Amino acid sequence: MLKIQSMNLDYIRTFVVVGQSKDYKDAANKLKIDYTNVSRHIKALESLMETKLINRNSENFIELTDDGKKLFDGFKKSIVVLNQRL
């Protein structure tokens, strides 16, 4: 079950940028945060969602799982709307 009270907008933003860039280090540069924080955000989001969202492929780039793809589509739209209102 999703633990809504623990949801963090930074986790969502990080997940969207990782999903777009397909690389943790590139995402860290875009977000202007440390690479280890990107990894922590993704792990925390996976824990909150109680599912694996990202796998690394043979070239060490990330691939979204099926659950990750579904979540990415919804979160990406949410981030766009939030950015327009901020």
PDB file of N, CA and C in Angstrom:
ATOM      1  N   MET A   1       0.845  -1.186   0.000  1.00  0.00           N
ATOM      2  CA  MET A   1       0.000   0.000   0.000  1.00  0.00           C
ATOM      3  C   MET A   1       0.887   1.245   0.000  1.00  0.00           C
ATOM      4  N   LEU A   2       0.541   2.222  -0.781  1.00  0.00           N
ATOM      5  CA  LEU A   2       1.285   3.474  -0.896  1.00  0.00           C
ATOM      6  C   LEU A   2       1.217   4.259   0.403  1.00  0.00           C
ATOM      7  N   LYS A   3       2.356   4.703   0.863  1.00  0.00           N
ATOM      8  CA  LYS A   3       2.459   5.482   2.096  1.00  0.00           C
ATOM      9  C   LYS A   3       2.460   6.965   1.739  1.00  0.00           C
ATOM     10  N   ILE A   4       1.298   7.511   1.422  1.00  0.00           N
ATOM     11  CA  ILE A   4       1.152   8.880   0.928  1.00  0.00           C
ATOM     12  C   ILE A   4       1.779   9.902   1.873  1.00  0.00           C
ATOM     13  N   GLN A   5       1.626   9.720   3.181  1.00  0.00           N
ATOM     14  CA  GLN A   5       2.130  10.712   4.112  1.00  0.00           C
ATOM     15  C   GLN A   5       3.641  10.873   4.015  1.00  0.00           C
ATOM     16  N   SER A   6       4.331   9.916   3.404  1.00  0.00           N
ATOM     17  CA  SER A   6       5.782   9.978   3.282  1.00  0.00           C
ATOM     18  C   SER A   6       6.246  10.437   1.901  1.00  0.00           C
ATOM     19  N   MET A   7       5.318  10.689   0.990  1.00  0.00           N
ATOM     20  CA  MET A   7       5.688  11.066  -0.370  1.00  0.00           C
ATOM     21  C   MET A   7       6.415  12.407  -0.366  1.00  0.00           C
ATOM     22  N   ASN A   8       7.426  12.506  -1.191  1.00  0.00           N
ATOM     23  CA  ASN A   8       8.284  13.687  -1.250  1.00  0.00           C
ATOM     24  C   ASN A   8       8.360  14.130  -2.706  1.00  0.00           C
ATOM     25  N   LEU A   9       8.074  15.383  -2.958  1.00  0.00           N
ATOM     26  CA  LEU A   9       8.096  15.903  -4.326  1.00  0.00           C
ATOM     27  C   LEU A   9       9.481  15.772  -4.956  1.00  0.00           C
ATOM     28  N   ASP A  10      10.518  15.855  -4.144  1.00  0.00           N
ATOM     29  CA  ASP A  10      11.880  15.683  -4.674  1.00  0.00           C
ATOM     30  C   ASP A  10      12.073  14.279  -5.244  1.00  0.00           C
ATOM     31  N   TYR A  11      11.483  13.264  -4.619  1.00  0.00           N
ATOM     32  CA  TYR A  11      11.579  11.898  -5.134  1.00  0.00           C
ATOM     33  C   TYR A  11      10.936  11.810  -6.510  1.00  0.00           C
ATOM     34  N   ILE A  12       9.789  12.442  -6.648  1.00  0.00           N
ATOM     35  CA  ILE A  12       9.058  12.404  -7.918  1.00  0.00           C
ATOM     36  C   ILE A  12       9.842  13.144  -8.998  1.00  0.00           C
ATOM     37  N   ARG A  13      10.331  14.314  -8.665  1.00  0.00           N
ATOM     38  CA  ARG A  13      11.110  15.107  -9.624  1.00  0.00           C
ATOM     39  C   ARG A  13      12.357  14.322 -10.054  1.00  0.00           C
ATOM     40  N   THR A  14      13.045  13.718  -9.106  1.00  0.00           N
ATOM     41  CA  THR A  14      14.238  12.932  -9.407  1.00  0.00           C
ATOM     42  C   THR A  14      13.890  11.757 -10.314  1.00  0.00           C
ATOM     43  N   PHE A  15      12.819  11.057 -10.007  1.00  0.00           N
ATOM     44  CA  PHE A  15      12.399   9.914 -10.820  1.00  0.00           C
ATOM     45  C   PHE A  15      12.108  10.340 -12.257  1.00  0.00           C
ATOM     46  N   VAL A  16      11.440  11.450 -12.433  1.00  0.00           N
ATOM     47  CA  VAL A  16      11.115  11.933 -13.781  1.00  0.00           C
ATOM     48  C   VAL A  16      12.389  12.280 -14.546  1.00  0.00           C
ATOM     49  N   VAL A  17      13.313  12.967 -13.913  1.00  0.00           N
ATOM     50  CA  VAL A  17      14.557  13.339 -14.602  1.00  0.00           C
ATOM     51  C   VAL A  17      15.391  12.099 -14.919  1.00  0.00           C
ATOM     52  N   VAL A  18      15.447  11.142 -14.009  1.00  0.00           N
ATOM     53  CA  VAL A  18      16.159   9.888 -14.280  1.00  0.00           C
ATOM     54  C   VAL A  18      15.489   9.156 -15.439  1.00  0.00           C
ATOM     55  N   GLY A  19      14.173   9.113 -15.436  1.00  0.00           N
ATOM     56  CA  GLY A  19      13.443   8.456 -16.520  1.00  0.00           C
ATOM     57  C   GLY A  19      13.681   9.105 -17.874  1.00  0.00           C
ATOM     58  N   GLN A  20      13.858  10.398 -17.880  1.00  0.00           N
ATOM     59  CA  GLN A  20      14.122  11.106 -19.132  1.00  0.00           C
ATOM     60  C   GLN A  20      15.566  10.927 -19.590  1.00  0.00           C
ATOM     61  N   SER A  21      16.500  11.006 -18.662  1.00  0.00           N
ATOM     62  CA  SER A  21      17.916  10.974 -19.041  1.00  0.00           C
ATOM     63  C   SER A  21      18.478   9.569 -19.163  1.00  0.00           C
ATOM     64  N   LYS A  22      17.836   8.601 -18.512  1.00  0.00           N
ATOM     65  CA  LYS A  22      18.283   7.198 -18.537  1.00  0.00           C
ATOM     66  C   LYS A  22      19.653   7.007 -17.899  1.00  0.00           C
ATOM     67  N   ASP A  23      20.068   7.943 -17.038  1.00  0.00           N
ATOM     68  CA  ASP A  23      21.380   7.866 -16.422  1.00  0.00           C
ATOM     69  C   ASP A  23      21.372   8.645 -15.102  1.00  0.00           C
ATOM     70  N   TYR A  24      21.817   8.008 -14.025  1.00  0.00           N
ATOM     71  CA  TYR A  24      21.809   8.654 -12.713  1.00  0.00           C
ATOM     72  C   TYR A  24      22.745   9.860 -12.662  1.00  0.00           C
ATOM     73  N   LYS A  25      23.931   9.731 -13.226  1.00  0.00           N
ATOM     74  CA  LYS A  25      24.894  10.835 -13.156  1.00  0.00           C
ATOM     75  C   LYS A  25      24.403  12.046 -13.940  1.00  0.00           C
ATOM     76  N   ASP A  26      23.826  11.803 -15.110  1.00  0.00           N
ATOM     77  CA  ASP A  26      23.271  12.898 -15.895  1.00  0.00           C
ATOM     78  C   ASP A  26      22.116  13.559 -15.142  1.00  0.00           C
ATOM     79  N   ALA A  27      21.281  12.738 -14.527  1.00  0.00           N
ATOM     80  CA  ALA A  27      20.164  13.269 -13.739  1.00  0.00           C
ATOM     81  C   ALA A  27      20.684  14.113 -12.575  1.00  0.00           C
ATOM     82  N   ALA A  28      21.733  13.637 -11.915  1.00  0.00           N
ATOM     83  CA  ALA A  28      22.315  14.394 -10.803  1.00  0.00           C
ATOM     84  C   ALA A  28      22.798  15.761 -11.276  1.00  0.00           C
ATOM     85  N   ASN A  29      23.439  15.802 -12.432  1.00  0.00           N
ATOM     86  CA  ASN A  29      23.902  17.083 -12.977  1.00  0.00           C
ATOM     87  C   ASN A  29      22.736  18.004 -13.289  1.00  0.00           C
ATOM     88  N   LYS A  30      21.693  17.467 -13.901  1.00  0.00           N
ATOM     89  CA  LYS A  30      20.529  18.288 -14.239  1.00  0.00           C
ATOM     90  C   LYS A  30      19.814  18.814 -12.994  1.00  0.00           C
ATOM     91  N   LEU A  31      19.763  17.982 -11.959  1.00  0.00           N
ATOM     92  CA  LEU A  31      19.077  18.360 -10.720  1.00  0.00           C
ATOM     93  C   LEU A  31      19.967  19.167  -9.769  1.00  0.00           C
ATOM     94  N   LYS A  32      21.260  19.192 -10.104  1.00  0.00           N
ATOM     95  CA  LYS A  32      22.241  19.890  -9.264  1.00  0.00           C
ATOM     96  C   LYS A  32      22.277  19.305  -7.847  1.00  0.00           C
ATOM     97  N   ILE A  33      22.249  17.959  -7.792  1.00  0.00           N
ATOM     98  CA  ILE A  33      22.391  17.238  -6.528  1.00  0.00           C
ATOM     99  C   ILE A  33      23.434  16.149  -6.714  1.00  0.00           C
ATOM    100  N   ASP A  34      23.881  15.588  -5.628  1.00  0.00           N
ATOM    101  CA  ASP A  34      24.880  14.537  -5.665  1.00  0.00           C
ATOM    102  C   ASP A  34      24.282  13.240  -6.229  1.00  0.00           C
ATOM    103  N   TYR A  35      25.119  12.504  -6.945  1.00  0.00           N
ATOM    104  CA  TYR A  35      24.719  11.216  -7.534  1.00  0.00           C
ATOM    105  C   TYR A  35      24.115  10.283  -6.480  1.00  0.00           C
ATOM    106  N   THR A  36      24.707  10.263  -5.282  1.00  0.00           N
ATOM    107  CA  THR A  36      24.201   9.370  -4.235  1.00  0.00           C
ATOM    108  C   THR A  36      22.794   9.757  -3.791  1.00  0.00           C
ATOM    109  N   ASN A  37      22.478  11.048  -3.843  1.00  0.00           N
ATOM    110  CA  ASN A  37      21.115  11.476  -3.494  1.00  0.00           C
ATOM    111  C   ASN A  37      20.107  11.023  -4.541  1.00  0.00           C
ATOM    112  N   VAL A  38      20.509  10.990  -5.798  1.00  0.00           N
ATOM    113  CA  VAL A  38      19.626  10.478  -6.844  1.00  0.00           C
ATOM    114  C   VAL A  38      19.289   9.024  -6.527  1.00  0.00           C
ATOM    115  N   SER A  39      20.295   8.255  -6.219  1.00  0.00           N
ATOM    116  CA  SER A  39      20.079   6.845  -5.887  1.00  0.00           C
ATOM    117  C   SER A  39      19.183   6.697  -4.656  1.00  0.00           C
ATOM    118  N   ARG A  40      19.416   7.513  -3.643  1.00  0.00           N
ATOM    119  CA  ARG A  40      18.589   7.461  -2.421  1.00  0.00           C
ATOM    120  C   ARG A  40      17.139   7.820  -2.720  1.00  0.00           C
ATOM    121  N   HIS A  41      16.929   8.833  -3.545  1.00  0.00           N
ATOM    122  CA  HIS A  41      15.556   9.232  -3.891  1.00  0.00           C
ATOM    123  C   HIS A  41      14.826   8.099  -4.602  1.00  0.00           C
ATOM    124  N   ILE A  42      15.512   7.456  -5.541  1.00  0.00           N
ATOM    125  CA  ILE A  42      14.876   6.363  -6.289  1.00  0.00           C
ATOM    126  C   ILE A  42      14.566   5.193  -5.361  1.00  0.00           C
ATOM    127  N   LYS A  43      15.506   4.838  -4.503  1.00  0.00           N
ATOM    128  CA  LYS A  43      15.267   3.737  -3.561  1.00  0.00           C
ATOM    129  C   LYS A  43      14.117   4.060  -2.614  1.00  0.00           C
ATOM    130  N   ALA A  44      14.060   5.300  -2.148  1.00  0.00           N
ATOM    131  CA  ALA A  44      12.981   5.708  -1.247  1.00  0.00           C
ATOM    132  C   ALA A  44      11.631   5.649  -1.966  1.00  0.00           C
ATOM    133  N   LEU A  45      11.594   6.103  -3.209  1.00  0.00           N
ATOM    134  CA  LEU A  45      10.344   6.065  -3.971  1.00  0.00           C
ATOM    135  C   LEU A  45       9.925   4.622  -4.223  1.00  0.00           C
ATOM    136  N   GLU A  46      10.872   3.764  -4.559  1.00  0.00           N
ATOM    137  CA  GLU A  46      10.546   2.343  -4.759  1.00  0.00           C
ATOM    138  C   GLU A  46      10.003   1.732  -3.470  1.00  0.00           C
ATOM    139  N   SER A  47      10.567   2.122  -2.351  1.00  0.00           N
ATOM    140  CA  SER A  47      10.074   1.625  -1.067  1.00  0.00           C
ATOM    141  C   SER A  47       8.650   2.118  -0.795  1.00  0.00           C
ATOM    142  N   LEU A  48       8.407   3.389  -1.050  1.00  0.00           N
ATOM    143  CA  LEU A  48       7.065   3.950  -0.846  1.00  0.00           C
ATOM    144  C   LEU A  48       6.030   3.303  -1.763  1.00  0.00           C
ATOM    145  N   MET A  49       6.435   3.050  -3.001  1.00  0.00           N
ATOM    146  CA  MET A  49       5.521   2.474  -3.982  1.00  0.00           C
ATOM    147  C   MET A  49       5.447   0.952  -3.870  1.00  0.00           C
ATOM    148  N   GLU A  50       6.367   0.395  -3.091  1.00  0.00           N
ATOM    149  CA  GLU A  50       6.445  -1.049  -2.875  1.00  0.00           C
ATOM    150  C   GLU A  50       6.571  -1.821  -4.184  1.00  0.00           C
ATOM    151  N   THR A  51       7.410  -1.307  -5.075  1.00  0.00           N
ATOM    152  CA  THR A  51       7.662  -1.976  -6.355  1.00  0.00           C
ATOM    153  C   THR A  51       8.991  -1.492  -6.918  1.00  0.00           C
ATOM    154  N   LYS A  52       9.593  -2.301  -7.748  1.00  0.00           N
ATOM    155  CA  LYS A  52      10.823  -1.933  -8.445  1.00  0.00           C
ATOM    156  C   LYS A  52      10.443  -1.036  -9.612  1.00  0.00           C
ATOM    157  N   LEU A  53      11.092   0.104  -9.732  1.00  0.00           N
ATOM    158  CA  LEU A  53      10.763   1.062 -10.787  1.00  0.00           C
ATOM    159  C   LEU A  53      11.833   1.125 -11.872  1.00  0.00           C
ATOM    160  N   ILE A  54      13.065   0.802 -11.503  1.00  0.00           N
ATOM    161  CA  ILE A  54      14.195   0.971 -12.416  1.00  0.00           C
ATOM    162  C   ILE A  54      15.101  -0.250 -12.370  1.00  0.00           C
ATOM    163  N   ASN A  55      15.563  -0.676 -13.547  1.00  0.00           N
ATOM    164  CA  ASN A  55      16.587  -1.704 -13.684  1.00  0.00           C
ATOM    165  C   ASN A  55      17.746  -1.116 -14.463  1.00  0.00           C
ATOM    166  N   ARG A  56      18.937  -1.620 -14.224  1.00  0.00           N
ATOM    167  CA  ARG A  56      20.091  -1.224 -15.035  1.00  0.00           C
ATOM    168  C   ARG A  56      20.255  -2.249 -16.149  1.00  0.00           C
ATOM    169  N   ASN A  57      20.516  -1.764 -17.379  1.00  0.00           N
ATOM    170  CA  ASN A  57      20.725  -2.685 -18.488  1.00  0.00           C
ATOM    171  C   ASN A  57      22.202  -3.048 -18.583  1.00  0.00           C
ATOM    172  N   SER A  58      22.574  -3.827 -19.576  1.00  0.00           N
ATOM    173  CA  SER A  58      23.948  -4.323 -19.708  1.00  0.00           C
ATOM    174  C   SER A  58      24.960  -3.205 -19.951  1.00  0.00           C
ATOM    175  N   GLU A  59      24.525  -2.067 -20.426  1.00  0.00           N
ATOM    176  CA  GLU A  59      25.418  -0.934 -20.670  1.00  0.00           C
ATOM    177  C   GLU A  59      25.428   0.039 -19.502  1.00  0.00           C
ATOM    178  N   ASN A  60      24.825  -0.379 -18.385  1.00  0.00           N
ATOM    179  CA  ASN A  60      24.768   0.391 -17.143  1.00  0.00           C
ATOM    180  C   ASN A  60      23.901   1.644 -17.246  1.00  0.00           C
ATOM    181  N   PHE A  61      23.020   1.676 -18.223  1.00  0.00           N
ATOM    182  CA  PHE A  61      22.010   2.716 -18.286  1.00  0.00           C
ATOM    183  C   PHE A  61      20.739   2.155 -17.671  1.00  0.00           C
ATOM    184  N   ILE A  62      19.841   3.034 -17.288  1.00  0.00           N
ATOM    185  CA  ILE A  62      18.636   2.556 -16.620  1.00  0.00           C
ATOM    186  C   ILE A  62      17.519   2.295 -17.630  1.00  0.00           C
ATOM    187  N   GLU A  63      16.678   1.368 -17.241  1.00  0.00           N
ATOM    188  CA  GLU A  63      15.449   1.076 -17.970  1.00  0.00           C
ATOM    189  C   GLU A  63      14.327   1.073 -16.958  1.00  0.00           C
ATOM    190  N   LEU A  64      13.213   1.650 -17.313  1.00  0.00           N
ATOM    191  CA  LEU A  64      12.061   1.637 -16.430  1.00  0.00           C
ATOM    192  C   LEU A  64      11.384   0.272 -16.500  1.00  0.00           C
ATOM    193  N   THR A  65      10.971  -0.241 -15.351  1.00  0.00           N
ATOM    194  CA  THR A  65      10.173  -1.461 -15.320  1.00  0.00           C
ATOM    195  C   THR A  65       8.780  -1.114 -15.853  1.00  0.00           C
ATOM    196  N   ASP A  66       7.933  -2.107 -16.003  1.00  0.00           N
ATOM    197  CA  ASP A  66       6.559  -1.827 -16.440  1.00  0.00           C
ATOM    198  C   ASP A  66       5.862  -0.890 -15.452  1.00  0.00           C
ATOM    199  N   ASP A  67       6.021  -1.156 -14.155  1.00  0.00           N
ATOM    200  CA  ASP A  67       5.444  -0.260 -13.149  1.00  0.00           C
ATOM    201  C   ASP A  67       6.082   1.123 -13.230  1.00  0.00           C
ATOM    202  N   GLY A  68       7.385   1.152 -13.479  1.00  0.00           N
ATOM    203  CA  GLY A  68       8.098   2.424 -13.607  1.00  0.00           C
ATOM    204  C   GLY A  68       7.587   3.238 -14.774  1.00  0.00           C
ATOM    205  N   LYS A  69       7.300   2.577 -15.893  1.00  0.00           N
ATOM    206  CA  LYS A  69       6.782   3.275 -17.077  1.00  0.00           C
ATOM    207  C   LYS A  69       5.423   3.904 -16.790  1.00  0.00           C
ATOM    208  N   LYS A  70       4.565   3.160 -16.107  1.00  0.00           N
ATOM    209  CA  LYS A  70       3.241   3.691 -15.774  1.00  0.00           C
ATOM    210  C   LYS A  70       3.358   4.893 -14.846  1.00  0.00           C
ATOM    211  N   LEU A  71       4.201   4.745 -13.837  1.00  0.00           N
ATOM    212  CA  LEU A  71       4.375   5.825 -12.876  1.00  0.00           C
ATOM    213  C   LEU A  71       5.028   7.038 -13.529  1.00  0.00           C
ATOM    214  N   PHE A  72       5.996   6.795 -14.395  1.00  0.00           N
ATOM    215  CA  PHE A  72       6.699   7.876 -15.088  1.00  0.00           C
ATOM    216  C   PHE A  72       5.716   8.732 -15.885  1.00  0.00           C
ATOM    217  N   ASP A  73       4.826   8.095 -16.628  1.00  0.00           N
ATOM    218  CA  ASP A  73       3.866   8.845 -17.435  1.00  0.00           C
ATOM    219  C   ASP A  73       3.009   9.764 -16.574  1.00  0.00           C
ATOM    220  N   GLY A  74       2.514   9.256 -15.462  1.00  0.00           N
ATOM    221  CA  GLY A  74       1.686  10.077 -14.574  1.00  0.00           C
ATOM    222  C   GLY A  74       2.474  11.167 -13.871  1.00  0.00           C
ATOM    223  N   PHE A  75       3.653  10.819 -13.379  1.00  0.00           N
ATOM    224  CA  PHE A  75       4.479  11.801 -12.671  1.00  0.00           C
ATOM    225  C   PHE A  75       4.982  12.887 -13.609  1.00  0.00           C
ATOM    226  N   LYS A  76       5.318  12.518 -14.831  1.00  0.00           N
ATOM    227  CA  LYS A  76       5.809  13.509 -15.796  1.00  0.00           C
ATOM    228  C   LYS A  76       4.744  14.579 -16.037  1.00  0.00           C
ATOM    229  N   LYS A  77       3.501  14.146 -16.211  1.00  0.00           N
ATOM    230  CA  LYS A  77       2.407  15.095 -16.409  1.00  0.00           C
ATOM    231  C   LYS A  77       2.221  15.976 -15.171  1.00  0.00           C
ATOM    232  N   SER A  78       2.342  15.380 -13.996  1.00  0.00           N
ATOM    233  CA  SER A  78       2.179  16.129 -12.747  1.00  0.00           C
ATOM    234  C   SER A  78       3.255  17.188 -12.585  1.00  0.00           C
ATOM    235  N   ILE A  79       4.496  16.832 -12.916  1.00  0.00           N
ATOM    236  CA  ILE A  79       5.608  17.784 -12.800  1.00  0.00           C
ATOM    237  C   ILE A  79       5.394  18.965 -13.742  1.00  0.00           C
ATOM    238  N   VAL A  80       4.914  18.706 -14.947  1.00  0.00           N
ATOM    239  CA  VAL A  80       4.651  19.781 -15.906  1.00  0.00           C
ATOM    240  C   VAL A  80       3.605  20.742 -15.337  1.00  0.00           C
ATOM    241  N   VAL A  81       2.530  20.194 -14.791  1.00  0.00           N
ATOM    242  CA  VAL A  81       1.467  21.031 -14.224  1.00  0.00           C
ATOM    243  C   VAL A  81       1.992  21.822 -13.028  1.00  0.00           C
ATOM    244  N   LEU A  82       2.753  21.178 -12.149  1.00  0.00           N
ATOM    245  CA  LEU A  82       3.305  21.866 -10.985  1.00  0.00           C
ATOM    246  C   LEU A  82       4.249  22.982 -11.385  1.00  0.00           C
ATOM    247  N   ASN A  83       5.085  22.740 -12.371  1.00  0.00           N
ATOM    248  CA  ASN A  83       6.021  23.762 -12.826  1.00  0.00           C
ATOM    249  C   ASN A  83       5.316  24.974 -13.416  1.00  0.00           C
ATOM    250  N   GLN A  84       4.162  24.753 -14.024  1.00  0.00           N
ATOM    251  CA  GLN A  84       3.403  25.865 -14.595  1.00  0.00           C
ATOM    252  C   GLN A  84       2.796  26.729 -13.497  1.00  0.00           C
ATOM    253  N   ARG A  85       2.508  26.125 -12.366  1.00  0.00           N
ATOM    254  CA  ARG A  85       1.849  26.853 -11.272  1.00  0.00           C
ATOM    255  C   ARG A  85       2.837  27.481 -10.306  1.00  0.00           C
ATOM    256  N   LEU A  86       4.100  27.095 -10.364  1.00  0.00           N
ATOM    257  CA  LEU A  86       5.096  27.626  -9.413  1.00  0.00           C
ATOM    258  C   LEU A  86       5.744  28.877  -9.932  1.00  0.00           C
TER     259      LEU A  86
END
